[in-house]
Amino acid sequence: MKLIMKLPKSNPKLHLNLIEDNWIPMKEPKNVASAILLSIPLMIIAAIISIFVLNIVSSISLSEFGIKTNGFAFTIYFSDILWLVLLLVMHELIHLIFIPNFIKSERTYAGLTVFGGFVFTEEEISKSRYIIITIAPFVIISLILPLVLSVFGLLTTTLKFLIILNALGSSVDLLNLILVIKQVPKNAVLKSNGPYTYWRNR
C-alpha cells in the first residue's frame, strides 16, 4: 500500500491495454464534483436511514443539535474537529481493510484531498468483494455502530451527528454501488485505472 496526496490519474496506455484484453469501461461520473452532484438524492436517503436507526435506539431531535424554531446556535470545539478527522480516517480505513492483501499490494493507495480522504486500488476485485468494500463504511458506522453504542450507553449527541455525517458522506459510495449492481454481471471482476472502472467476466 502507498500513501499519496492526490487522486491517481488515468493511464491512457493502460486504458488501451484493458480494452484489448476485453475489459469493458463502466458508465460512471468522470470526476468527483459530478459524482457528488449525482449522489445528492442518495445523500438524503442515506441520512434518513441513519436517523431512522438512531431513532430506534435513542431519542433524536433537531433541538439536540442546536436547531430550534427561532433559529439555530451551536459551538464548535477543537475536540469536534478531531472527531471529524477521526471519522474521515475510520471511513477510509474500513474501505481499505476489505481490499484483499492491501498491506502487501503495490497497487493500492490511500490519501487525502480537498474533497476528503480516499482509498484506491488497481488490483482486480470480484464484484461481490467490490460491493463489500464500497458499502462497508456506511453499514458499519451509520447502521451497526449506533446499535453497539446504545447498548453501552455511549451514544452522545456528538456521535449521533458524526454517524449522520458519515451517512451523508457515503452518498458517492452508494452511487458507485448502484452503478456496479446495474452494469456489472454477477461473476465479473473489476479493475480501476485512475477514476475509471472496468469489468470483464472471469
Protein backbone atom coordinates (compact mmCIF):
# COMPACT_ATOMS: atom_id res chain seq x y z
CA MET A 1 0.00 0.00 0.00
CA LYS A 2 1.21 3.50 -0.82
CA LEU A 3 0.26 6.90 0.64
CA ILE A 4 -0.31 9.65 -1.94
CA MET A 5 -1.57 13.25 -1.74
CA LYS A 6 -3.73 13.44 -4.86
CA LEU A 7 -6.18 11.24 -6.71
CA PRO A 8 -4.48 8.97 -9.26
CA LYS A 9 -4.97 9.93 -12.90
CA SER A 10 -5.92 7.51 -15.65
CA ASN A 11 -3.16 5.95 -17.74
CA PRO A 12 -4.02 6.14 -21.48
CA LYS A 13 -1.71 3.21 -22.26
CA LEU A 14 -3.33 1.08 -19.55
CA HIS A 15 -6.75 2.03 -20.95
CA LEU A 16 -5.80 0.67 -24.39
CA ASN A 17 -4.35 -2.48 -22.85
CA LEU A 18 -7.52 -3.08 -20.85
CA ILE A 19 -9.73 -2.60 -23.90
CA GLU A 20 -7.54 -5.04 -25.88
CA ASP A 21 -7.92 -7.55 -23.03
CA ASN A 22 -11.75 -7.32 -23.25
CA TRP A 23 -12.26 -5.11 -20.21
CA ILE A 24 -15.45 -3.03 -20.53
CA PRO A 25 -15.49 0.57 -19.20
CA MET A 26 -18.31 1.34 -16.80
CA LYS A 27 -20.63 4.27 -17.40
CA GLU A 28 -19.87 6.49 -14.41
CA PRO A 29 -19.20 10.13 -13.45
CA LYS A 30 -15.89 11.33 -14.86
CA ASN A 31 -14.89 13.49 -11.88
CA VAL A 32 -15.52 13.86 -8.16
CA ALA A 33 -17.65 17.01 -8.49
CA SER A 34 -20.15 15.41 -10.88
CA ALA A 35 -20.27 12.28 -8.72
CA ILE A 36 -21.17 14.40 -5.68
CA LEU A 37 -23.92 16.22 -7.59
CA LEU A 38 -25.42 12.98 -8.87
CA SER A 39 -25.32 11.44 -5.40
CA ILE A 40 -27.29 14.22 -3.65
CA PRO A 41 -30.58 12.21 -3.66
CA LEU A 42 -28.69 9.26 -2.16
CA MET A 43 -27.24 11.63 0.44
CA ILE A 44 -30.75 12.44 1.62
CA ILE A 45 -31.86 8.80 1.58
CA ALA A 46 -28.76 7.65 3.49
CA ALA A 47 -29.28 10.33 6.14
CA ILE A 48 -32.94 9.35 6.58
CA ILE A 49 -31.98 5.68 7.00
CA SER A 50 -29.29 6.59 9.56
CA ILE A 51 -31.69 8.84 11.51
CA PHE A 52 -34.28 6.06 11.49
CA VAL A 53 -31.75 3.64 13.02
CA LEU A 54 -30.71 6.24 15.62
CA ASN A 55 -34.33 6.87 16.48
CA ILE A 56 -34.85 3.17 17.19
CA VAL A 57 -32.15 3.07 19.86
CA SER A 58 -32.23 6.65 21.15
CA SER A 59 -34.31 9.81 21.08
CA ILE A 60 -33.17 12.31 18.48
CA SER A 61 -34.41 15.81 17.68
CA LEU A 62 -33.32 18.96 15.85
CA SER A 63 -33.04 20.85 19.13
CA GLU A 64 -30.42 18.34 20.25
CA PHE A 65 -28.17 19.72 17.51
CA GLY A 66 -28.92 23.35 18.33
CA ILE A 67 -31.63 23.82 15.68
CA LYS A 68 -34.80 25.47 17.05
CA THR A 69 -37.89 27.15 15.61
CA ASN A 70 -36.43 30.61 16.24
CA GLY A 71 -33.06 29.82 14.63
CA PHE A 72 -30.04 27.76 15.42
CA ALA A 73 -26.96 28.06 17.57
CA PHE A 74 -24.07 25.71 18.14
CA THR A 75 -20.48 25.85 19.31
CA ILE A 76 -17.61 24.12 17.56
CA TYR A 77 -14.82 22.95 19.85
CA PHE A 78 -11.35 21.77 18.88
CA SER A 79 -12.33 18.29 20.01
CA ASP A 80 -15.14 18.33 17.42
CA ILE A 81 -12.57 18.88 14.66
CA LEU A 82 -10.57 15.94 15.98
CA TRP A 83 -13.74 13.80 15.90
CA LEU A 84 -14.31 14.81 12.26
CA VAL A 85 -10.75 13.82 11.34
CA LEU A 86 -11.18 10.52 13.17
CA LEU A 87 -14.44 9.88 11.29
CA LEU A 88 -12.71 10.54 7.96
CA VAL A 89 -9.86 8.18 8.84
CA MET A 90 -12.23 5.47 10.08
CA HIS A 91 -14.38 5.69 6.95
CA GLU A 92 -11.41 5.24 4.62
CA LEU A 93 -9.76 2.65 6.84
CA ILE A 94 -12.87 0.48 6.65
CA HIS A 95 -12.75 0.69 2.86
CA LEU A 96 -9.07 -0.26 3.00
CA ILE A 97 -9.23 -3.30 5.26
CA PHE A 98 -11.70 -5.03 2.95
CA ILE A 99 -9.30 -4.79 -0.03
CA PRO A 100 -7.58 -8.20 -0.34
CA ASN A 101 -3.91 -8.13 0.74
CA PHE A 102 -3.94 -4.34 0.91
CA ILE A 103 -0.80 -4.18 3.09
CA LYS A 104 1.37 -6.04 0.55
CA SER A 105 -0.28 -4.56 -2.53
CA GLU A 106 1.87 -2.24 -4.66
CA ARG A 107 -1.25 -1.05 -6.49
CA THR A 108 -3.35 0.08 -3.55
CA TYR A 109 -3.27 3.72 -2.47
CA ALA A 110 -4.66 5.90 0.32
CA GLY A 111 -4.57 9.66 0.61
CA LEU A 112 -6.23 12.97 1.33
CA THR A 113 -7.56 15.73 -0.97
CA VAL A 114 -9.75 18.83 -0.59
CA PHE A 115 -12.75 16.54 -1.23
CA GLY A 116 -11.76 14.33 1.69
CA GLY A 117 -9.91 11.06 2.09
CA PHE A 118 -9.79 8.30 -0.46
CA VAL A 119 -8.75 4.70 -0.91
CA PHE A 120 -7.96 3.39 -4.37
CA THR A 121 -6.77 0.08 -5.75
CA GLU A 122 -5.77 -1.13 -9.20
CA GLU A 123 -5.97 -4.76 -8.11
CA GLU A 124 -8.57 -6.99 -9.73
CA ILE A 125 -11.57 -7.23 -7.41
CA SER A 126 -14.53 -9.58 -7.68
CA LYS A 127 -17.94 -7.93 -7.91
CA SER A 128 -19.03 -9.30 -4.54
CA ARG A 129 -15.87 -8.04 -2.82
CA TYR A 130 -16.16 -4.68 -4.60
CA ILE A 131 -19.69 -4.28 -3.23
CA ILE A 132 -18.47 -5.07 0.30
CA ILE A 133 -15.60 -2.58 0.01
CA THR A 134 -17.97 0.10 -1.25
CA ILE A 135 -20.81 -0.28 1.26
CA ALA A 136 -18.84 -1.26 4.40
CA PRO A 137 -18.27 2.23 5.93
CA PHE A 138 -21.95 3.16 5.63
CA VAL A 139 -23.15 -0.13 7.10
CA ILE A 140 -20.59 -0.29 9.92
CA ILE A 141 -20.54 3.37 11.03
CA SER A 142 -24.06 4.58 10.27
CA LEU A 143 -26.10 1.40 10.85
CA ILE A 144 -24.25 -1.02 13.14
CA LEU A 145 -22.27 1.42 15.31
CA PRO A 146 -25.38 3.20 16.70
CA LEU A 147 -26.74 -0.15 17.87
CA VAL A 148 -23.47 -1.05 19.57
CA LEU A 149 -23.00 2.36 21.21
CA SER A 150 -26.57 2.38 22.53
CA VAL A 151 -26.03 -0.96 24.29
CA PHE A 152 -23.16 0.57 26.29
CA GLY A 153 -24.88 3.94 26.78
CA LEU A 154 -22.26 5.78 24.74
CA LEU A 155 -24.48 7.34 22.07
CA THR A 156 -23.78 11.03 22.69
CA THR A 157 -25.05 13.97 20.63
CA THR A 158 -21.61 14.37 19.03
CA LEU A 159 -21.52 10.74 17.98
CA LYS A 160 -25.07 10.93 16.61
CA PHE A 161 -24.00 13.91 14.48
CA LEU A 162 -20.91 12.06 13.22
CA ILE A 163 -22.97 8.96 12.41
CA ILE A 164 -25.38 11.06 10.33
CA LEU A 165 -22.47 12.92 8.73
CA ASN A 166 -20.93 9.61 7.72
CA ALA A 167 -24.23 8.63 6.08
CA LEU A 168 -24.20 11.89 4.11
CA GLY A 169 -20.58 11.33 3.13
CA SER A 170 -21.36 7.78 1.98
CA SER A 171 -23.58 9.02 -0.85
CA VAL A 172 -20.87 8.67 -3.54
CA ASP A 173 -20.16 5.15 -2.26
CA LEU A 174 -23.86 4.35 -2.63
CA LEU A 175 -23.86 5.79 -6.15
CA ASN A 176 -20.92 3.54 -7.06
CA LEU A 177 -22.77 0.61 -5.53
CA ILE A 178 -25.83 1.21 -7.71
CA LEU A 179 -23.71 1.64 -10.85
CA VAL A 180 -21.88 -1.64 -10.21
CA ILE A 181 -25.04 -3.58 -9.41
CA LYS A 182 -26.75 -2.32 -12.58
CA GLN A 183 -23.85 -2.67 -15.02
CA VAL A 184 -21.59 -5.49 -13.87
CA PRO A 185 -22.56 -9.19 -14.22
CA LYS A 186 -22.62 -11.41 -11.15
CA ASN A 187 -19.36 -13.31 -11.71
CA ALA A 188 -17.34 -10.44 -13.19
CA VAL A 189 -14.18 -8.84 -11.83
CA LEU A 190 -13.46 -5.11 -11.70
CA LYS A 191 -10.32 -3.07 -12.16
CA SER A 192 -9.60 0.65 -11.87
CA ASN A 193 -7.48 2.98 -13.98
CA GLY A 194 -7.44 6.29 -12.16
CA PRO A 195 -11.06 7.49 -11.85
CA TYR A 196 -12.28 4.95 -14.41
CA THR A 197 -13.59 1.47 -13.62
CA TYR A 198 -13.62 -1.55 -15.96
CA TRP A 199 -15.10 -5.00 -15.71
CA ARG A 200 -14.92 -8.33 -17.51
CA ASN A 201 -16.22 -11.82 -16.93
CA ARG A 202 -13.93 -14.31 -15.28
